[in-house]
């Protein structure tokens, strides 16, 4: 990357939080966002160096369109029920600047299953792990640039329309959606379980 992160790694990871209050008043350039996403895709590890991650970045009207699609899909699911809370949530995501869509290439996963049959059952698991790492890298890098983001999972409800709208290959499986923008809200204090219950050291 041609520019160093504006925040050190530990601080960025610590301050990475789910930010639901976001708007479009972003001071980070589109080129910088592109640089972050491409860096994450290139350097985030994957099992067998399979490089199964596929990312799509939506901004402007395409970002708005995604959350319109999601809203109408959920409205059909809710039917005659109270939609107000869901509508408020959809509005908050749409208010952001853009959304990163995280996909995994199932054709690559299937090919690896066929090549390495003893590990066949593990490749879908490793694929999801790789996607999770990509999500964390992008999320943390966006945080380091002063942007707020959250991670959403409206798949598989929106999968078909998303693929149709943006000509997504059929073998790309939608894993998560990450709306991001200029943060307008501060998250509350985060509680942590005792580390001694979660980590063990032996020598």
N, C-alpha and C. Protein backbone atom coordinates (compact mmCIF):
# COMPACT_ATOMS: atom_id res chain seq x y z
N UNK A 1 0.84 -1.19 0.00
CA UNK A 1 0.00 0.00 0.00
C UNK A 1 0.88 1.24 0.00
N UNK A 2 0.44 2.28 -0.63
CA UNK A 2 1.24 3.49 -0.75
C UNK A 2 1.12 4.40 0.45
N UNK A 3 0.18 4.10 1.33
CA UNK A 3 -0.04 4.95 2.50
C UNK A 3 -0.20 4.06 3.73
N UNK A 4 0.45 4.43 4.81
CA UNK A 4 0.33 3.64 6.02
C UNK A 4 -1.01 3.90 6.69
N UNK A 5 -1.47 2.92 7.48
CA UNK A 5 -2.71 3.11 8.22
C UNK A 5 -2.55 4.25 9.21
N UNK A 6 -3.62 5.00 9.41
CA UNK A 6 -3.56 6.16 10.29
C UNK A 6 -3.61 5.76 11.76
N UNK A 7 -3.87 4.52 12.06
CA UNK A 7 -3.94 4.02 13.43
C UNK A 7 -3.12 2.73 13.51
N UNK A 8 -2.41 2.52 14.63
CA UNK A 8 -1.64 1.29 14.74
C UNK A 8 -2.56 0.09 14.86
N UNK A 9 -2.02 -1.10 14.59
CA UNK A 9 -2.82 -2.31 14.47
C UNK A 9 -3.58 -2.62 15.74
N UNK A 10 -2.92 -2.60 16.89
CA UNK A 10 -3.57 -2.94 18.14
C UNK A 10 -4.74 -1.99 18.43
N UNK A 11 -4.51 -0.70 18.22
CA UNK A 11 -5.56 0.28 18.48
C UNK A 11 -6.73 0.09 17.54
N UNK A 12 -6.43 -0.14 16.26
CA UNK A 12 -7.50 -0.34 15.27
C UNK A 12 -8.33 -1.57 15.61
N UNK A 13 -7.66 -2.65 16.02
CA UNK A 13 -8.38 -3.88 16.35
C UNK A 13 -9.24 -3.67 17.60
N UNK A 14 -8.69 -2.95 18.57
CA UNK A 14 -9.42 -2.67 19.81
C UNK A 14 -10.63 -1.79 19.55
N UNK A 15 -10.49 -0.81 18.67
CA UNK A 15 -11.56 0.15 18.43
C UNK A 15 -12.54 -0.30 17.36
N UNK A 16 -12.25 -1.40 16.69
CA UNK A 16 -13.20 -1.93 15.71
C UNK A 16 -14.44 -2.41 16.44
N UNK A 17 -15.55 -1.79 16.16
CA UNK A 17 -16.80 -2.12 16.82
C UNK A 17 -17.92 -2.11 15.78
N UNK A 18 -19.08 -2.63 16.17
CA UNK A 18 -20.26 -2.54 15.32
C UNK A 18 -20.84 -1.14 15.45
N UNK A 19 -20.73 -0.37 14.37
CA UNK A 19 -21.23 1.01 14.35
C UNK A 19 -22.47 1.05 13.47
N UNK A 20 -23.61 1.30 14.08
CA UNK A 20 -24.87 1.31 13.33
C UNK A 20 -25.29 2.71 12.90
N UNK A 21 -24.76 3.73 13.57
CA UNK A 21 -25.05 5.10 13.17
C UNK A 21 -23.99 5.58 12.19
N UNK A 22 -24.33 5.62 10.91
CA UNK A 22 -23.38 6.03 9.87
C UNK A 22 -24.09 6.93 8.86
N UNK A 23 -23.29 7.78 8.18
CA UNK A 23 -23.87 8.57 7.09
C UNK A 23 -22.91 8.61 5.91
N UNK A 24 -23.26 9.37 4.90
CA UNK A 24 -22.50 9.38 3.64
C UNK A 24 -21.38 10.42 3.63
N UNK A 25 -21.21 11.15 4.71
CA UNK A 25 -20.22 12.23 4.77
C UNK A 25 -18.83 11.66 5.03
N UNK A 26 -18.32 10.91 4.06
CA UNK A 26 -17.05 10.20 4.20
C UNK A 26 -15.92 11.03 3.61
N UNK A 27 -14.83 11.16 4.38
CA UNK A 27 -13.67 11.93 3.92
C UNK A 27 -12.61 11.03 3.29
N UNK A 28 -12.80 9.74 3.38
CA UNK A 28 -11.86 8.79 2.78
C UNK A 28 -12.19 8.64 1.30
N UNK A 29 -11.18 8.70 0.44
CA UNK A 29 -11.42 8.65 -1.00
C UNK A 29 -11.82 7.25 -1.46
N UNK A 30 -12.50 7.20 -2.60
CA UNK A 30 -12.85 5.90 -3.20
C UNK A 30 -11.60 5.10 -3.53
N UNK A 31 -10.55 5.79 -3.95
CA UNK A 31 -9.30 5.11 -4.27
C UNK A 31 -8.72 4.43 -3.02
N UNK A 32 -8.82 5.10 -1.88
CA UNK A 32 -8.31 4.53 -0.64
C UNK A 32 -9.13 3.31 -0.22
N UNK A 33 -10.44 3.40 -0.36
CA UNK A 33 -11.31 2.26 -0.04
C UNK A 33 -10.97 1.08 -0.95
N UNK A 34 -10.79 1.36 -2.23
CA UNK A 34 -10.40 0.32 -3.18
C UNK A 34 -9.07 -0.31 -2.78
N UNK A 35 -8.12 0.53 -2.36
CA UNK A 35 -6.81 0.05 -1.95
C UNK A 35 -6.92 -0.89 -0.75
N UNK A 36 -7.74 -0.51 0.22
CA UNK A 36 -7.94 -1.32 1.42
C UNK A 36 -8.51 -2.69 1.06
N UNK A 37 -9.55 -2.71 0.25
CA UNK A 37 -10.22 -3.97 -0.09
C UNK A 37 -9.30 -4.87 -0.91
N UNK A 38 -8.60 -4.30 -1.87
CA UNK A 38 -7.71 -5.10 -2.70
C UNK A 38 -6.53 -5.64 -1.88
N UNK A 39 -6.03 -4.84 -0.93
CA UNK A 39 -4.96 -5.29 -0.05
C UNK A 39 -5.44 -6.48 0.78
N UNK A 40 -6.66 -6.38 1.33
CA UNK A 40 -7.22 -7.45 2.15
C UNK A 40 -7.36 -8.73 1.34
N UNK A 41 -7.86 -8.62 0.14
CA UNK A 41 -8.07 -9.81 -0.70
C UNK A 41 -6.74 -10.45 -1.08
N UNK A 42 -5.74 -9.62 -1.31
CA UNK A 42 -4.43 -10.16 -1.74
C UNK A 42 -3.68 -10.82 -0.61
N UNK A 43 -3.73 -10.27 0.59
CA UNK A 43 -2.82 -10.71 1.65
C UNK A 43 -3.48 -11.50 2.79
N UNK A 44 -4.80 -11.56 2.85
CA UNK A 44 -5.44 -12.35 3.90
C UNK A 44 -5.27 -13.84 3.58
N UNK A 45 -4.86 -14.65 4.55
CA UNK A 45 -4.58 -16.06 4.27
C UNK A 45 -5.83 -16.89 4.03
N UNK A 46 -5.63 -18.02 3.38
CA UNK A 46 -6.71 -19.00 3.17
C UNK A 46 -6.09 -20.39 3.14
N UNK A 47 -6.87 -21.39 3.52
CA UNK A 47 -6.37 -22.77 3.56
C UNK A 47 -5.91 -23.22 2.18
N UNK A 48 -4.75 -23.87 2.13
CA UNK A 48 -4.17 -24.36 0.87
C UNK A 48 -3.91 -23.20 -0.11
N UNK A 49 -3.84 -21.98 0.42
CA UNK A 49 -3.72 -20.79 -0.42
C UNK A 49 -4.79 -20.80 -1.51
N UNK A 50 -5.99 -21.21 -1.13
CA UNK A 50 -7.07 -21.40 -2.09
C UNK A 50 -7.63 -20.10 -2.64
N UNK A 51 -7.47 -19.00 -1.90
CA UNK A 51 -7.90 -17.68 -2.37
C UNK A 51 -9.34 -17.70 -2.86
N UNK A 52 -10.23 -18.22 -2.00
CA UNK A 52 -11.64 -18.38 -2.37
C UNK A 52 -12.47 -17.11 -2.20
N UNK A 53 -11.93 -16.10 -1.52
CA UNK A 53 -12.71 -14.89 -1.24
C UNK A 53 -12.99 -14.10 -2.51
N UNK A 54 -14.21 -13.60 -2.60
CA UNK A 54 -14.63 -12.73 -3.68
C UNK A 54 -15.39 -11.56 -3.04
N UNK A 55 -14.94 -10.35 -3.27
CA UNK A 55 -15.58 -9.18 -2.64
C UNK A 55 -16.15 -8.25 -3.70
N UNK A 56 -17.28 -7.66 -3.38
CA UNK A 56 -17.92 -6.66 -4.24
C UNK A 56 -18.18 -5.43 -3.38
N UNK A 57 -17.75 -4.26 -3.85
CA UNK A 57 -17.95 -3.02 -3.12
C UNK A 57 -19.00 -2.18 -3.83
N UNK A 58 -20.04 -1.84 -3.11
CA UNK A 58 -21.12 -1.02 -3.64
C UNK A 58 -21.08 0.36 -2.98
N UNK A 59 -21.26 1.40 -3.77
CA UNK A 59 -21.37 2.75 -3.22
C UNK A 59 -22.33 3.54 -4.08
N UNK A 60 -22.68 4.73 -3.62
CA UNK A 60 -23.62 5.54 -4.38
C UNK A 60 -24.96 4.85 -4.55
N UNK A 61 -25.49 4.90 -5.75
CA UNK A 61 -26.81 4.33 -6.00
C UNK A 61 -26.84 2.81 -5.89
N UNK A 62 -25.71 2.17 -6.15
CA UNK A 62 -25.70 0.70 -6.03
C UNK A 62 -25.83 0.28 -4.57
N UNK A 63 -25.20 1.04 -3.69
CA UNK A 63 -25.35 0.79 -2.24
C UNK A 63 -26.80 0.98 -1.82
N UNK A 64 -27.41 2.07 -2.27
CA UNK A 64 -28.82 2.32 -1.95
C UNK A 64 -29.70 1.19 -2.48
N UNK A 65 -29.40 0.73 -3.68
CA UNK A 65 -30.19 -0.32 -4.31
C UNK A 65 -30.14 -1.61 -3.49
N UNK A 66 -28.96 -1.94 -2.96
CA UNK A 66 -28.83 -3.15 -2.15
C UNK A 66 -29.80 -3.12 -0.98
N UNK A 67 -29.87 -2.00 -0.28
CA UNK A 67 -30.71 -1.94 0.91
C UNK A 67 -32.19 -1.77 0.55
N UNK A 68 -32.48 -1.27 -0.66
CA UNK A 68 -33.86 -1.30 -1.15
C UNK A 68 -34.29 -2.74 -1.41
N UNK A 69 -33.41 -3.51 -2.04
CA UNK A 69 -33.68 -4.93 -2.30
C UNK A 69 -33.90 -5.67 -0.99
N UNK A 70 -33.01 -5.44 -0.03
CA UNK A 70 -33.12 -6.12 1.26
C UNK A 70 -34.41 -5.73 1.98
N UNK A 71 -34.74 -4.45 1.92
CA UNK A 71 -35.96 -3.97 2.57
C UNK A 71 -37.20 -4.65 2.00
N UNK A 72 -37.30 -4.68 0.69
CA UNK A 72 -38.49 -5.27 0.06
C UNK A 72 -38.54 -6.78 0.27
N UNK A 73 -37.40 -7.43 0.30
CA UNK A 73 -37.35 -8.86 0.57
C UNK A 73 -37.86 -9.16 1.97
N UNK A 74 -37.40 -8.39 2.93
CA UNK A 74 -37.82 -8.60 4.32
C UNK A 74 -39.28 -8.22 4.53
N UNK A 75 -39.74 -7.23 3.78
CA UNK A 75 -41.14 -6.83 3.90
C UNK A 75 -42.06 -7.99 3.50
N UNK A 76 -41.65 -8.73 2.48
CA UNK A 76 -42.43 -9.90 2.05
C UNK A 76 -42.41 -10.99 3.13
N UNK A 77 -41.28 -11.12 3.81
CA UNK A 77 -41.16 -12.14 4.86
C UNK A 77 -42.06 -11.78 6.05
N UNK A 78 -42.03 -10.50 6.42
CA UNK A 78 -42.82 -10.04 7.57
C UNK A 78 -44.30 -10.05 7.27
N UNK A 79 -44.65 -9.78 6.01
CA UNK A 79 -46.07 -9.77 5.62
C UNK A 79 -46.84 -8.65 6.30
N UNK A 80 -47.91 -8.99 6.97
CA UNK A 80 -48.75 -7.98 7.62
C UNK A 80 -48.26 -7.61 9.01
N UNK A 81 -47.13 -8.17 9.43
CA UNK A 81 -46.60 -7.86 10.76
C UNK A 81 -46.01 -6.45 10.83
N UNK A 82 -45.66 -6.05 12.02
CA UNK A 82 -45.08 -4.73 12.26
C UNK A 82 -43.68 -4.66 11.64
N UNK A 83 -43.51 -3.76 10.69
CA UNK A 83 -42.25 -3.66 9.95
C UNK A 83 -41.41 -2.47 10.40
N UNK A 84 -41.89 -1.71 11.35
CA UNK A 84 -41.26 -0.43 11.70
C UNK A 84 -39.82 -0.59 12.19
N UNK A 85 -39.57 -1.56 13.06
CA UNK A 85 -38.21 -1.75 13.58
C UNK A 85 -37.26 -2.18 12.47
N UNK A 86 -37.73 -3.07 11.61
CA UNK A 86 -36.90 -3.52 10.48
C UNK A 86 -36.64 -2.37 9.52
N UNK A 87 -37.67 -1.56 9.26
CA UNK A 87 -37.50 -0.42 8.37
C UNK A 87 -36.46 0.56 8.91
N UNK A 88 -36.48 0.78 10.21
CA UNK A 88 -35.52 1.68 10.84
C UNK A 88 -34.09 1.16 10.67
N UNK A 89 -33.94 -0.16 10.82
CA UNK A 89 -32.63 -0.77 10.66
C UNK A 89 -32.15 -0.65 9.21
N UNK A 90 -33.05 -0.92 8.26
CA UNK A 90 -32.70 -0.80 6.85
C UNK A 90 -32.30 0.64 6.51
N UNK A 91 -33.02 1.58 7.06
CA UNK A 91 -32.71 3.00 6.81
C UNK A 91 -31.32 3.35 7.33
N UNK A 92 -30.96 2.76 8.47
CA UNK A 92 -29.65 3.07 9.06
C UNK A 92 -28.52 2.54 8.17
N UNK A 93 -28.71 1.37 7.56
CA UNK A 93 -27.69 0.83 6.68
C UNK A 93 -27.62 1.64 5.38
N UNK A 94 -28.76 1.97 4.85
CA UNK A 94 -28.81 2.74 3.60
C UNK A 94 -28.22 4.13 3.78
N UNK A 95 -28.29 4.66 4.99
CA UNK A 95 -27.75 5.99 5.26
C UNK A 95 -26.23 6.04 5.12
N UNK A 96 -25.58 4.87 5.11
CA UNK A 96 -24.13 4.81 4.99
C UNK A 96 -23.64 5.13 3.60
N UNK A 97 -22.33 5.08 3.46
CA UNK A 97 -21.68 5.44 2.20
C UNK A 97 -21.61 4.27 1.22
N UNK A 98 -21.39 3.08 1.76
CA UNK A 98 -21.21 1.92 0.88
C UNK A 98 -21.38 0.62 1.63
N UNK A 99 -21.30 -0.47 0.90
CA UNK A 99 -21.39 -1.80 1.49
C UNK A 99 -20.40 -2.72 0.80
N UNK A 100 -19.69 -3.50 1.62
CA UNK A 100 -18.82 -4.54 1.07
C UNK A 100 -19.58 -5.86 1.17
N UNK A 101 -19.71 -6.54 0.03
CA UNK A 101 -20.33 -7.86 -0.01
C UNK A 101 -19.22 -8.90 -0.02
N UNK A 102 -19.32 -9.86 0.89
CA UNK A 102 -18.33 -10.93 0.99
C UNK A 102 -18.91 -12.22 0.42
N UNK A 103 -18.24 -12.76 -0.58
CA UNK A 103 -18.63 -14.02 -1.20
C UNK A 103 -17.49 -15.03 -1.05
N UNK A 104 -17.83 -16.31 -1.23
CA UNK A 104 -16.84 -17.37 -1.35
C UNK A 104 -17.13 -18.14 -2.64
N UNK A 105 -16.06 -18.45 -3.38
CA UNK A 105 -16.19 -19.14 -4.66
C UNK A 105 -16.34 -20.64 -4.41
N UNK A 106 -17.55 -21.14 -4.53
CA UNK A 106 -17.82 -22.55 -4.26
C UNK A 106 -17.21 -23.48 -5.30
N UNK A 107 -16.93 -22.96 -6.50
CA UNK A 107 -16.30 -23.79 -7.52
C UNK A 107 -14.88 -24.15 -7.10
N UNK A 108 -14.19 -23.21 -6.49
CA UNK A 108 -12.84 -23.49 -5.99
C UNK A 108 -12.90 -24.48 -4.84
N UNK A 109 -13.86 -24.30 -3.94
CA UNK A 109 -14.02 -25.21 -2.82
C UNK A 109 -14.29 -26.63 -3.31
N UNK A 110 -15.18 -26.76 -4.27
CA UNK A 110 -15.51 -28.08 -4.82
C UNK A 110 -14.30 -28.71 -5.48
N UNK A 111 -13.52 -27.92 -6.21
CA UNK A 111 -12.33 -28.44 -6.87
C UNK A 111 -11.33 -28.98 -5.86
N UNK A 112 -11.16 -28.27 -4.76
CA UNK A 112 -10.24 -28.72 -3.71
C UNK A 112 -10.75 -30.00 -3.04
N UNK A 113 -12.08 -30.08 -2.86
CA UNK A 113 -12.66 -31.29 -2.28
C UNK A 113 -12.37 -32.50 -3.16
N UNK A 114 -12.39 -32.30 -4.46
CA UNK A 114 -12.13 -33.39 -5.40
C UNK A 114 -10.65 -33.74 -5.45
N UNK A 115 -9.79 -32.75 -5.30
CA UNK A 115 -8.35 -32.99 -5.35
C UNK A 115 -7.82 -33.62 -4.07
N UNK A 116 -8.38 -33.22 -2.94
CA UNK A 116 -7.88 -33.67 -1.64
C UNK A 116 -9.02 -34.30 -0.86
N UNK A 117 -9.43 -35.48 -1.31
CA UNK A 117 -10.62 -36.12 -0.75
C UNK A 117 -10.56 -36.40 0.75
N UNK A 118 -9.37 -36.69 1.35
CA UNK A 118 -9.37 -36.91 2.80
C UNK A 118 -9.83 -35.68 3.60
N UNK A 119 -9.70 -34.50 2.99
CA UNK A 119 -10.08 -33.26 3.68
C UNK A 119 -11.38 -32.66 3.14
N UNK A 120 -12.10 -33.43 2.35
CA UNK A 120 -13.26 -32.88 1.64
C UNK A 120 -14.25 -32.18 2.55
N UNK A 121 -14.53 -32.78 3.71
CA UNK A 121 -15.51 -32.19 4.61
C UNK A 121 -15.03 -30.89 5.24
N UNK A 122 -13.73 -30.69 5.25
CA UNK A 122 -13.17 -29.51 5.91
C UNK A 122 -13.13 -28.27 5.02
N UNK A 123 -13.11 -28.46 3.72
CA UNK A 123 -12.93 -27.30 2.84
C UNK A 123 -14.04 -26.25 2.97
N UNK A 124 -15.31 -26.62 3.10
CA UNK A 124 -16.33 -25.59 3.34
C UNK A 124 -16.11 -24.85 4.66
N UNK A 125 -15.64 -25.57 5.67
CA UNK A 125 -15.34 -24.94 6.96
C UNK A 125 -14.19 -23.96 6.81
N UNK A 126 -13.13 -24.40 6.14
CA UNK A 126 -11.97 -23.53 5.94
C UNK A 126 -12.34 -22.32 5.07
N UNK A 127 -13.25 -22.52 4.14
CA UNK A 127 -13.71 -21.41 3.31
C UNK A 127 -14.39 -20.35 4.16
N UNK A 128 -15.25 -20.78 5.08
CA UNK A 128 -15.92 -19.83 5.98
C UNK A 128 -14.92 -19.14 6.90
N UNK A 129 -13.90 -19.88 7.34
CA UNK A 129 -12.88 -19.27 8.17
C UNK A 129 -12.12 -18.19 7.39
N UNK A 130 -11.81 -18.48 6.15
CA UNK A 130 -11.11 -17.50 5.32
C UNK A 130 -11.96 -16.25 5.12
N UNK A 131 -13.27 -16.45 4.91
CA UNK A 131 -14.16 -15.29 4.75
C UNK A 131 -14.17 -14.45 6.02
N UNK A 132 -14.22 -15.13 7.18
CA UNK A 132 -14.19 -14.40 8.44
C UNK A 132 -12.94 -13.56 8.59
N UNK A 133 -11.81 -14.10 8.16
CA UNK A 133 -10.56 -13.34 8.24
C UNK A 133 -10.60 -12.13 7.32
N UNK A 134 -11.15 -12.30 6.12
CA UNK A 134 -11.27 -11.16 5.21
C UNK A 134 -12.19 -10.09 5.80
N UNK A 135 -13.25 -10.53 6.43
CA UNK A 135 -14.17 -9.57 7.04
C UNK A 135 -13.47 -8.76 8.13
N UNK A 136 -12.69 -9.44 8.96
CA UNK A 136 -11.99 -8.75 10.04
C UNK A 136 -10.94 -7.78 9.49
N UNK A 137 -10.20 -8.20 8.49
CA UNK A 137 -9.17 -7.33 7.92
C UNK A 137 -9.79 -6.07 7.33
N UNK A 138 -10.83 -6.23 6.53
CA UNK A 138 -11.48 -5.06 5.93
C UNK A 138 -12.08 -4.17 7.00
N UNK A 139 -12.78 -4.78 7.94
CA UNK A 139 -13.45 -4.03 9.02
C UNK A 139 -12.43 -3.22 9.83
N UNK A 140 -11.32 -3.86 10.19
CA UNK A 140 -10.30 -3.19 10.99
C UNK A 140 -9.62 -2.08 10.20
N UNK A 141 -9.38 -2.33 8.92
CA UNK A 141 -8.75 -1.30 8.08
C UNK A 141 -9.67 -0.11 7.89
N UNK A 142 -10.97 -0.35 7.75
CA UNK A 142 -11.93 0.76 7.64
C UNK A 142 -11.94 1.56 8.94
N UNK A 143 -11.90 0.86 10.06
CA UNK A 143 -11.84 1.53 11.37
C UNK A 143 -10.59 2.40 11.47
N UNK A 144 -9.46 1.87 11.00
CA UNK A 144 -8.21 2.61 11.06
C UNK A 144 -8.26 3.90 10.26
N UNK A 145 -9.16 3.95 9.27
CA UNK A 145 -9.33 5.15 8.46
C UNK A 145 -10.40 6.08 9.02
N UNK A 146 -10.95 5.70 10.18
CA UNK A 146 -11.96 6.55 10.81
C UNK A 146 -13.38 6.28 10.36
N UNK A 147 -13.60 5.17 9.67
CA UNK A 147 -14.93 4.81 9.20
C UNK A 147 -15.61 3.85 10.18
N UNK A 148 -16.93 3.87 10.18
CA UNK A 148 -17.70 2.95 11.01
C UNK A 148 -18.35 1.90 10.14
N UNK A 149 -18.49 0.68 10.67
CA UNK A 149 -19.07 -0.42 9.89
C UNK A 149 -19.73 -1.42 10.83
N UNK A 150 -20.55 -2.28 10.26
CA UNK A 150 -21.13 -3.40 11.00
C UNK A 150 -21.23 -4.57 10.04
N UNK A 151 -21.46 -5.75 10.58
CA UNK A 151 -21.54 -6.94 9.74
C UNK A 151 -22.95 -7.49 9.78
N UNK A 152 -23.54 -7.70 8.60
CA UNK A 152 -24.92 -8.15 8.49
C UNK A 152 -24.98 -9.45 7.70
N UNK A 153 -26.07 -10.20 7.92
CA UNK A 153 -26.23 -11.50 7.25
C UNK A 153 -27.67 -11.67 6.79
N UNK A 154 -28.00 -11.05 5.67
CA UNK A 154 -29.34 -11.20 5.10
C UNK A 154 -29.37 -12.25 3.99
N UNK A 155 -28.26 -12.94 3.84
CA UNK A 155 -28.22 -14.10 2.96
C UNK A 155 -28.83 -15.29 3.74
N UNK A 156 -29.50 -16.24 3.12
CA UNK A 156 -29.67 -16.37 1.67
C UNK A 156 -30.90 -15.65 1.12
N UNK A 157 -31.61 -14.88 1.95
CA UNK A 157 -32.86 -14.26 1.51
C UNK A 157 -32.66 -13.37 0.28
N UNK A 158 -31.53 -12.67 0.21
CA UNK A 158 -31.33 -11.70 -0.87
C UNK A 158 -30.42 -12.22 -1.98
N UNK A 159 -29.95 -13.45 -1.85
CA UNK A 159 -28.92 -13.96 -2.76
C UNK A 159 -29.31 -13.85 -4.23
N UNK A 160 -30.48 -14.33 -4.58
CA UNK A 160 -30.87 -14.39 -5.99
C UNK A 160 -30.96 -13.01 -6.62
N UNK A 161 -31.56 -12.07 -5.90
CA UNK A 161 -31.70 -10.71 -6.46
C UNK A 161 -30.36 -10.01 -6.55
N UNK A 162 -29.50 -10.23 -5.57
CA UNK A 162 -28.17 -9.61 -5.61
C UNK A 162 -27.38 -10.14 -6.80
N UNK A 163 -27.42 -11.44 -7.02
CA UNK A 163 -26.70 -12.02 -8.16
C UNK A 163 -27.24 -11.51 -9.48
N UNK A 164 -28.55 -11.37 -9.56
CA UNK A 164 -29.17 -10.88 -10.78
C UNK A 164 -28.84 -9.41 -11.03
N UNK A 165 -28.91 -8.61 -9.99
CA UNK A 165 -28.71 -7.16 -10.11
C UNK A 165 -27.28 -6.81 -10.53
N UNK A 166 -26.30 -7.54 -9.98
CA UNK A 166 -24.90 -7.19 -10.25
C UNK A 166 -24.14 -8.27 -11.00
N UNK A 167 -24.89 -9.13 -11.68
CA UNK A 167 -24.28 -10.14 -12.55
C UNK A 167 -23.20 -10.94 -11.82
N UNK A 168 -23.55 -11.42 -10.64
CA UNK A 168 -22.63 -12.20 -9.82
C UNK A 168 -22.61 -13.65 -10.30
N UNK A 169 -21.44 -14.24 -10.49
CA UNK A 169 -21.38 -15.65 -10.92
C UNK A 169 -22.15 -16.56 -9.98
N UNK A 170 -22.77 -17.56 -10.54
CA UNK A 170 -23.62 -18.47 -9.77
C UNK A 170 -22.84 -19.20 -8.69
N UNK A 171 -21.54 -19.45 -8.93
CA UNK A 171 -20.74 -20.20 -7.97
C UNK A 171 -20.20 -19.34 -6.82
N UNK A 172 -20.53 -18.05 -6.82
CA UNK A 172 -20.15 -17.19 -5.70
C UNK A 172 -21.26 -17.26 -4.65
N UNK A 173 -20.91 -17.67 -3.44
CA UNK A 173 -21.87 -17.77 -2.35
C UNK A 173 -21.76 -16.54 -1.45
N UNK A 174 -22.87 -15.84 -1.27
CA UNK A 174 -22.89 -14.66 -0.42
C UNK A 174 -22.78 -15.08 1.05
N UNK A 175 -21.82 -14.48 1.75
CA UNK A 175 -21.56 -14.83 3.15
C UNK A 175 -22.00 -13.72 4.10
N UNK A 176 -21.71 -12.47 3.75
CA UNK A 176 -22.01 -11.36 4.66
C UNK A 176 -22.05 -10.04 3.92
N UNK A 177 -22.65 -9.05 4.58
CA UNK A 177 -22.73 -7.70 4.04
C UNK A 177 -22.20 -6.73 5.10
N UNK A 178 -21.34 -5.79 4.69
CA UNK A 178 -20.74 -4.85 5.63
C UNK A 178 -21.02 -3.40 5.21
N UNK A 179 -22.12 -2.82 5.70
CA UNK A 179 -22.38 -1.40 5.42
C UNK A 179 -21.38 -0.54 6.19
N UNK A 180 -20.89 0.52 5.56
CA UNK A 180 -19.91 1.39 6.22
C UNK A 180 -20.15 2.85 5.84
N UNK A 181 -19.62 3.72 6.65
CA UNK A 181 -19.78 5.15 6.39
C UNK A 181 -19.13 5.97 7.47
N UNK A 182 -19.41 7.24 7.46
CA UNK A 182 -18.92 8.14 8.49
C UNK A 182 -19.68 7.86 9.79
N UNK A 183 -18.99 7.53 10.88
CA UNK A 183 -19.70 7.20 12.12
C UNK A 183 -20.40 8.41 12.73
N UNK A 184 -21.65 8.20 13.13
CA UNK A 184 -22.43 9.27 13.77
C UNK A 184 -22.85 8.88 15.18
N UNK A 185 -22.42 7.71 15.61
CA UNK A 185 -22.79 7.23 16.95
C UNK A 185 -21.59 6.52 17.57
N UNK A 186 -21.52 6.54 18.87
CA UNK A 186 -20.44 5.87 19.60
C UNK A 186 -20.99 4.62 20.27
N UNK A 187 -20.35 3.47 20.06
CA UNK A 187 -20.86 2.24 20.69
C UNK A 187 -20.67 2.28 22.20
N UNK A 188 -21.49 1.53 22.90
CA UNK A 188 -21.38 1.46 24.35
C UNK A 188 -20.17 0.65 24.79
N UNK A 189 -19.98 0.58 26.09
CA UNK A 189 -18.87 -0.20 26.63
C UNK A 189 -19.07 -1.68 26.28
N UNK A 190 -17.96 -2.33 25.97
CA UNK A 190 -18.00 -3.74 25.63
C UNK A 190 -17.54 -4.56 26.83
N UNK A 191 -18.30 -5.58 27.17
CA UNK A 191 -17.93 -6.44 28.29
C UNK A 191 -17.09 -7.60 27.80
N UNK A 192 -16.12 -7.99 28.61
CA UNK A 192 -15.22 -9.07 28.24
C UNK A 192 -15.24 -10.16 29.32
N UNK A 193 -15.29 -11.40 28.89
CA UNK A 193 -15.15 -12.51 29.82
C UNK A 193 -13.70 -12.59 30.28
N UNK A 194 -13.46 -13.11 31.46
CA UNK A 194 -12.09 -13.18 31.98
C UNK A 194 -11.17 -13.96 31.04
N UNK A 195 -10.02 -13.38 30.74
CA UNK A 195 -9.09 -14.02 29.82
C UNK A 195 -8.58 -15.35 30.37
N UNK A 196 -8.47 -15.47 31.70
CA UNK A 196 -7.97 -16.73 32.26
C UNK A 196 -8.93 -17.89 32.00
N UNK A 197 -10.20 -17.59 31.68
CA UNK A 197 -11.16 -18.64 31.33
C UNK A 197 -11.13 -18.97 29.84
N UNK A 198 -10.40 -18.17 29.07
CA UNK A 198 -10.44 -18.30 27.62
C UNK A 198 -9.10 -18.63 26.98
N UNK A 199 -8.03 -18.42 27.71
CA UNK A 199 -6.69 -18.63 27.16
C UNK A 199 -5.85 -19.42 28.15
N UNK A 200 -5.09 -20.38 27.66
CA UNK A 200 -4.18 -21.16 28.50
C UNK A 200 -2.78 -21.11 27.91
N UNK A 201 -1.78 -21.03 28.78
CA UNK A 201 -0.40 -21.03 28.38
C UNK A 201 0.34 -22.18 29.05
N UNK A 202 1.17 -22.87 28.28
CA UNK A 202 1.96 -23.96 28.83
C UNK A 202 3.42 -23.78 28.40
N UNK A 203 4.31 -24.25 29.24
CA UNK A 203 5.72 -24.10 28.92
C UNK A 203 6.48 -25.37 29.30
